Amino acid sequence: MGAFWASRLLSQFLYGIEAWDLATYLAMAAALLGLSAIASYLPAQQAGRVSPTEVLMED
């Protein structure tokens, strides 16, 4: 919702696309989804390599 509101304010600076360009919104949503998936996958991959018993034994 914030993107729609901001696009109305910034529409005078947008060249080559409309303020309500659906393809741009979908591309940005896909990019954010992909980045968040990578950002959560990499730490989970590292945490998965550690044995839970080793972690519990350290405490």
PDB file of N, CA and C in Angstrom:
ATOM      1  N   MET A   1       0.829  -1.186   0.000  1.00  0.00           N
ATOM      2  CA  MET A   1       0.000   0.000   0.000  1.00  0.00           C
ATOM      3  C   MET A   1       0.875   1.252   0.000  1.00  0.00           C
ATOM      4  N   GLY A   2       2.002   1.161   0.701  1.00  0.00           N
ATOM      5  CA  GLY A   2       2.907   2.306   0.738  1.00  0.00           C
ATOM      6  C   GLY A   2       3.486   2.613  -0.629  1.00  0.00           C
ATOM      7  N   ALA A   3       3.701   1.574  -1.430  1.00  0.00           N
ATOM      8  CA  ALA A   3       4.246   1.787  -2.768  1.00  0.00           C
ATOM      9  C   ALA A   3       3.261   2.536  -3.656  1.00  0.00           C
ATOM     10  N   PHE A   4       1.993   2.225  -3.528  1.00  0.00           N
ATOM     11  CA  PHE A   4       0.987   2.940  -4.313  1.00  0.00           C
ATOM     12  C   PHE A   4       0.929   4.409  -3.906  1.00  0.00           C
ATOM     13  N   TRP A   5       1.003   4.657  -2.618  1.00  0.00           N
ATOM     14  CA  TRP A   5       0.965   6.031  -2.126  1.00  0.00           C
ATOM     15  C   TRP A   5       2.213   6.789  -2.568  1.00  0.00           C
ATOM     16  N   ALA A   6       3.380   6.148  -2.446  1.00  0.00           N
ATOM     17  CA  ALA A   6       4.628   6.806  -2.834  1.00  0.00           C
ATOM     18  C   ALA A   6       4.680   7.060  -4.339  1.00  0.00           C
ATOM     19  N   SER A   7       4.103   6.161  -5.129  1.00  0.00           N
ATOM     20  CA  SER A   7       4.141   6.350  -6.582  1.00  0.00           C
ATOM     21  C   SER A   7       3.341   7.571  -7.006  1.00  0.00           C
ATOM     22  N   ARG A   8       2.296   7.862  -6.282  1.00  0.00           N
ATOM     23  CA  ARG A   8       1.528   9.075  -6.604  1.00  0.00           C
ATOM     24  C   ARG A   8       2.362  10.310  -6.313  1.00  0.00           C
ATOM     25  N   LEU A   9       3.111  10.274  -5.215  1.00  0.00           N
ATOM     26  CA  LEU A   9       3.945  11.419  -4.876  1.00  0.00           C
ATOM     27  C   LEU A   9       5.135  11.572  -5.823  1.00  0.00           C
ATOM     28  N   LEU A  10       5.688  10.443  -6.249  1.00  0.00           N
ATOM     29  CA  LEU A  10       6.887  10.473  -7.080  1.00  0.00           C
ATOM     30  C   LEU A  10       6.609  10.331  -8.563  1.00  0.00           C
ATOM     31  N   SER A  11       5.360  10.396  -8.976  1.00  0.00           N
ATOM     32  CA  SER A  11       5.013  10.169 -10.382  1.00  0.00           C
ATOM     33  C   SER A  11       5.647  11.193 -11.317  1.00  0.00           C
ATOM     34  N   GLN A  12       5.948  12.362 -10.824  1.00  0.00           N
ATOM     35  CA  GLN A  12       6.567  13.366 -11.696  1.00  0.00           C
ATOM     36  C   GLN A  12       8.024  13.016 -12.023  1.00  0.00           C
ATOM     37  N   PHE A  13       8.649  12.127 -11.241  1.00  0.00           N
ATOM     38  CA  PHE A  13      10.037  11.743 -11.483  1.00  0.00           C
ATOM     39  C   PHE A  13      10.173  10.442 -12.270  1.00  0.00           C
ATOM     40  N   LEU A  14       9.071   9.749 -12.513  1.00  0.00           N
ATOM     41  CA  LEU A  14       9.105   8.478 -13.221  1.00  0.00           C
ATOM     42  C   LEU A  14       9.091   8.722 -14.728  1.00  0.00           C
ATOM     43  N   TYR A  15      10.125   8.280 -15.391  1.00  0.00           N
ATOM     44  CA  TYR A  15      10.222   8.435 -16.846  1.00  0.00           C
ATOM     45  C   TYR A  15      10.205   7.049 -17.481  1.00  0.00           C
ATOM     46  N   GLY A  16       9.344   6.834 -18.409  1.00  0.00           N
ATOM     47  CA  GLY A  16       9.287   5.583 -19.147  1.00  0.00           C
ATOM     48  C   GLY A  16       8.323   4.562 -18.567  1.00  0.00           C
ATOM     49  N   ILE A  17       7.838   4.772 -17.364  1.00  0.00           N
ATOM     50  CA  ILE A  17       6.838   3.883 -16.789  1.00  0.00           C
ATOM     51  C   ILE A  17       5.729   4.733 -16.181  1.00  0.00           C
ATOM     52  N   GLU A  18       4.589   4.124 -16.048  1.00  0.00           N
ATOM     53  CA  GLU A  18       3.477   4.816 -15.418  1.00  0.00           C
ATOM     54  C   GLU A  18       3.566   4.618 -13.907  1.00  0.00           C
ATOM     55  N   ALA A  19       2.884   5.448 -13.169  1.00  0.00           N
ATOM     56  CA  ALA A  19       2.903   5.342 -11.714  1.00  0.00           C
ATOM     57  C   ALA A  19       2.237   4.057 -11.239  1.00  0.00           C
ATOM     58  N   TRP A  20       1.322   3.500 -12.039  1.00  0.00           N
ATOM     59  CA  TRP A  20       0.610   2.291 -11.650  1.00  0.00           C
ATOM     60  C   TRP A  20       1.008   1.115 -12.530  1.00  0.00           C
ATOM     61  N   ASP A  21       2.268   1.001 -12.883  1.00  0.00           N
ATOM     62  CA  ASP A  21       2.752  -0.056 -13.757  1.00  0.00           C
ATOM     63  C   ASP A  21       2.798  -1.391 -12.998  1.00  0.00           C
ATOM     64  N   LEU A  22       1.918  -2.309 -13.355  1.00  0.00           N
ATOM     65  CA  LEU A  22       1.798  -3.581 -12.657  1.00  0.00           C
ATOM     66  C   LEU A  22       3.053  -4.438 -12.817  1.00  0.00           C
ATOM     67  N   ALA A  23       3.670  -4.417 -13.976  1.00  0.00           N
ATOM     68  CA  ALA A  23       4.863  -5.225 -14.208  1.00  0.00           C
ATOM     69  C   ALA A  23       6.003  -4.797 -13.286  1.00  0.00           C
ATOM     70  N   THR A  24       6.137  -3.516 -13.041  1.00  0.00           N
ATOM     71  CA  THR A  24       7.179  -3.028 -12.143  1.00  0.00           C
ATOM     72  C   THR A  24       6.920  -3.486 -10.716  1.00  0.00           C
ATOM     73  N   TYR A  25       5.681  -3.405 -10.274  1.00  0.00           N
ATOM     74  CA  TYR A  25       5.343  -3.854  -8.926  1.00  0.00           C
ATOM     75  C   TYR A  25       5.581  -5.360  -8.772  1.00  0.00           C
ATOM     76  N   LEU A  26       5.220  -6.135  -9.778  1.00  0.00           N
ATOM     77  CA  LEU A  26       5.432  -7.584  -9.712  1.00  0.00           C
ATOM     78  C   LEU A  26       6.923  -7.928  -9.723  1.00  0.00           C
ATOM     79  N   ALA A  27       7.693  -7.219 -10.531  1.00  0.00           N
ATOM     80  CA  ALA A  27       9.131  -7.476 -10.582  1.00  0.00           C
ATOM     81  C   ALA A  27       9.794  -7.135  -9.254  1.00  0.00           C
ATOM     82  N   MET A  28       9.401  -6.044  -8.645  1.00  0.00           N
ATOM     83  CA  MET A  28       9.987  -5.670  -7.355  1.00  0.00           C
ATOM     84  C   MET A  28       9.560  -6.640  -6.255  1.00  0.00           C
ATOM     85  N   ALA A  29       8.326  -7.100  -6.290  1.00  0.00           N
ATOM     86  CA  ALA A  29       7.867  -8.080  -5.302  1.00  0.00           C
ATOM     87  C   ALA A  29       8.632  -9.394  -5.455  1.00  0.00           C
ATOM     88  N   ALA A  30       8.869  -9.817  -6.697  1.00  0.00           N
ATOM     89  CA  ALA A  30       9.629 -11.040  -6.941  1.00  0.00           C
ATOM     90  C   ALA A  30      11.075 -10.877  -6.488  1.00  0.00           C
ATOM     91  N   ALA A  31      11.664  -9.714  -6.731  1.00  0.00           N
ATOM     92  CA  ALA A  31      13.042  -9.475  -6.303  1.00  0.00           C
ATOM     93  C   ALA A  31      13.153  -9.484  -4.783  1.00  0.00           C
ATOM     94  N   LEU A  32      12.214  -8.852  -4.097  1.00  0.00           N
ATOM     95  CA  LEU A  32      12.237  -8.858  -2.634  1.00  0.00           C
ATOM     96  C   LEU A  32      12.002 -10.253  -2.074  1.00  0.00           C
ATOM     97  N   LEU A  33      11.126 -11.018  -2.705  1.00  0.00           N
ATOM     98  CA  LEU A  33      10.882 -12.387  -2.266  1.00  0.00           C
ATOM     99  C   LEU A  33      12.134 -13.246  -2.453  1.00  0.00           C
ATOM    100  N   GLY A  34      12.796 -13.090  -3.581  1.00  0.00           N
ATOM    101  CA  GLY A  34      14.020 -13.851  -3.838  1.00  0.00           C
ATOM    102  C   GLY A  34      15.138 -13.491  -2.876  1.00  0.00           C
ATOM    103  N   LEU A  35      15.315 -12.205  -2.623  1.00  0.00           N
ATOM    104  CA  LEU A  35      16.360 -11.780  -1.687  1.00  0.00           C
ATOM    105  C   LEU A  35      16.077 -12.248  -0.270  1.00  0.00           C
ATOM    106  N   SER A  36      14.833 -12.204   0.137  1.00  0.00           N
ATOM    107  CA  SER A  36      14.506 -12.661   1.486  1.00  0.00           C
ATOM    108  C   SER A  36      14.667 -14.176   1.606  1.00  0.00           C
ATOM    109  N   ALA A  37      14.391 -14.917   0.551  1.00  0.00           N
ATOM    110  CA  ALA A  37      14.596 -16.360   0.570  1.00  0.00           C
ATOM    111  C   ALA A  37      16.082 -16.696   0.696  1.00  0.00           C
ATOM    112  N   ILE A  38      16.915 -15.985  -0.046  1.00  0.00           N
ATOM    113  CA  ILE A  38      18.361 -16.203   0.049  1.00  0.00           C
ATOM    114  C   ILE A  38      18.880 -15.799   1.424  1.00  0.00           C
ATOM    115  N   ALA A  39      18.396 -14.676   1.933  1.00  0.00           N
ATOM    116  CA  ALA A  39      18.855 -14.179   3.231  1.00  0.00           C
ATOM    117  C   ALA A  39      18.459 -15.111   4.372  1.00  0.00           C
ATOM    118  N   SER A  40      17.393 -15.850   4.228  1.00  0.00           N
ATOM    119  CA  SER A  40      17.012 -16.787   5.281  1.00  0.00           C
ATOM    120  C   SER A  40      17.587 -18.182   5.043  1.00  0.00           C
ATOM    121  N   TYR A  41      17.840 -18.542   3.811  1.00  0.00           N
ATOM    122  CA  TYR A  41      18.359 -19.868   3.494  1.00  0.00           C
ATOM    123  C   TYR A  41      19.811 -20.041   3.925  1.00  0.00           C
ATOM    124  N   LEU A  42      20.631 -19.044   3.676  1.00  0.00           N
ATOM    125  CA  LEU A  42      22.061 -19.176   3.986  1.00  0.00           C
ATOM    126  C   LEU A  42      22.330 -19.369   5.481  1.00  0.00           C
ATOM    127  N   PRO A  43      21.750 -18.577   6.393  1.00  0.00           N
ATOM    128  CA  PRO A  43      21.968 -18.852   7.819  1.00  0.00           C
ATOM    129  C   PRO A  43      21.354 -20.185   8.264  1.00  0.00           C
ATOM    130  N   ALA A  44      20.225 -20.557   7.694  1.00  0.00           N
ATOM    131  CA  ALA A  44      19.609 -21.834   8.047  1.00  0.00           C
ATOM    132  C   ALA A  44      20.481 -22.997   7.597  1.00  0.00           C
ATOM    133  N   GLN A  45      21.134 -22.845   6.469  1.00  0.00           N
ATOM    134  CA  GLN A  45      22.040 -23.878   5.971  1.00  0.00           C
ATOM    135  C   GLN A  45      23.219 -24.052   6.919  1.00  0.00           C
ATOM    136  N   GLN A  46      23.776 -22.958   7.406  1.00  0.00           N
ATOM    137  CA  GLN A  46      24.897 -23.035   8.349  1.00  0.00           C
ATOM    138  C   GLN A  46      24.447 -23.615   9.686  1.00  0.00           C
ATOM    139  N   ALA A  47      23.276 -23.223  10.153  1.00  0.00           N
ATOM    140  CA  ALA A  47      22.776 -23.735  11.427  1.00  0.00           C
ATOM    141  C   ALA A  47      22.434 -25.219  11.327  1.00  0.00           C
ATOM    142  N   GLY A  48      22.063 -25.675  10.161  1.00  0.00           N
ATOM    143  CA  GLY A  48      21.736 -27.079   9.970  1.00  0.00           C
ATOM    144  C   GLY A  48      22.940 -27.989  10.010  1.00  0.00           C
ATOM    145  N   ARG A  49      24.116 -27.456   9.862  1.00  0.00           N
ATOM    146  CA  ARG A  49      25.340 -28.261   9.890  1.00  0.00           C
ATOM    147  C   ARG A  49      25.781 -28.597  11.320  1.00  0.00           C
ATOM    148  N   VAL A  50      25.271 -27.871  12.292  1.00  0.00           N
ATOM    149  CA  VAL A  50      25.669 -28.070  13.677  1.00  0.00           C
ATOM    150  C   VAL A  50      24.750 -29.095  14.326  1.00  0.00           C
ATOM    151  N   SER A  51      25.336 -30.022  15.042  1.00  0.00           N
ATOM    152  CA  SER A  51      24.558 -31.050  15.733  1.00  0.00           C
ATOM    153  C   SER A  51      23.831 -30.437  16.932  1.00  0.00           C
ATOM    154  N   PRO A  52      22.549 -30.701  17.102  1.00  0.00           N
ATOM    155  CA  PRO A  52      21.819 -30.125  18.247  1.00  0.00           C
ATOM    156  C   PRO A  52      22.375 -30.582  19.597  1.00  0.00           C
ATOM    157  N   THR A  53      22.887 -31.810  19.661  1.00  0.00           N
ATOM    158  CA  THR A  53      23.445 -32.275  20.933  1.00  0.00           C
ATOM    159  C   THR A  53      24.701 -31.508  21.306  1.00  0.00           C
ATOM    160  N   GLU A  54      25.498 -31.129  20.320  1.00  0.00           N
ATOM    161  CA  GLU A  54      26.692 -30.340  20.594  1.00  0.00           C
ATOM    162  C   GLU A  54      26.326 -28.954  21.144  1.00  0.00           C
ATOM    163  N   VAL A  55      25.301 -28.374  20.588  1.00  0.00           N
ATOM    164  CA  VAL A  55      24.869 -27.055  21.047  1.00  0.00           C
ATOM    165  C   VAL A  55      24.335 -27.146  22.466  1.00  0.00           C
ATOM    166  N   LEU A  56      23.553 -28.182  22.761  1.00  0.00           N
ATOM    167  CA  LEU A  56      23.004 -28.334  24.107  1.00  0.00           C
ATOM    168  C   LEU A  56      24.084 -28.679  25.120  1.00  0.00           C
ATOM    169  N   MET A  57      25.107 -29.380  24.720  1.00  0.00           N
ATOM    170  CA  MET A  57      26.191 -29.739  25.633  1.00  0.00           C
ATOM    171  C   MET A  57      27.033 -28.511  26.015  1.00  0.00           C
ATOM    172  N   GLU A  58      27.076 -27.507  25.165  1.00  0.00           N
ATOM    173  CA  GLU A  58      27.865 -26.303  25.447  1.00  0.00           C
ATOM    174  C   GLU A  58      27.239 -25.470  26.557  1.00  0.00           C
ATOM    175  N   ASP A  59      25.913 -25.517  26.706  1.00  0.00           N
ATOM    176  CA  ASP A  59      25.254 -24.701  27.739  1.00  0.00           C
ATOM    177  C   ASP A  59      25.379 -25.281  29.083  1.00  0.00           C
TER     178      ASP A  59
END
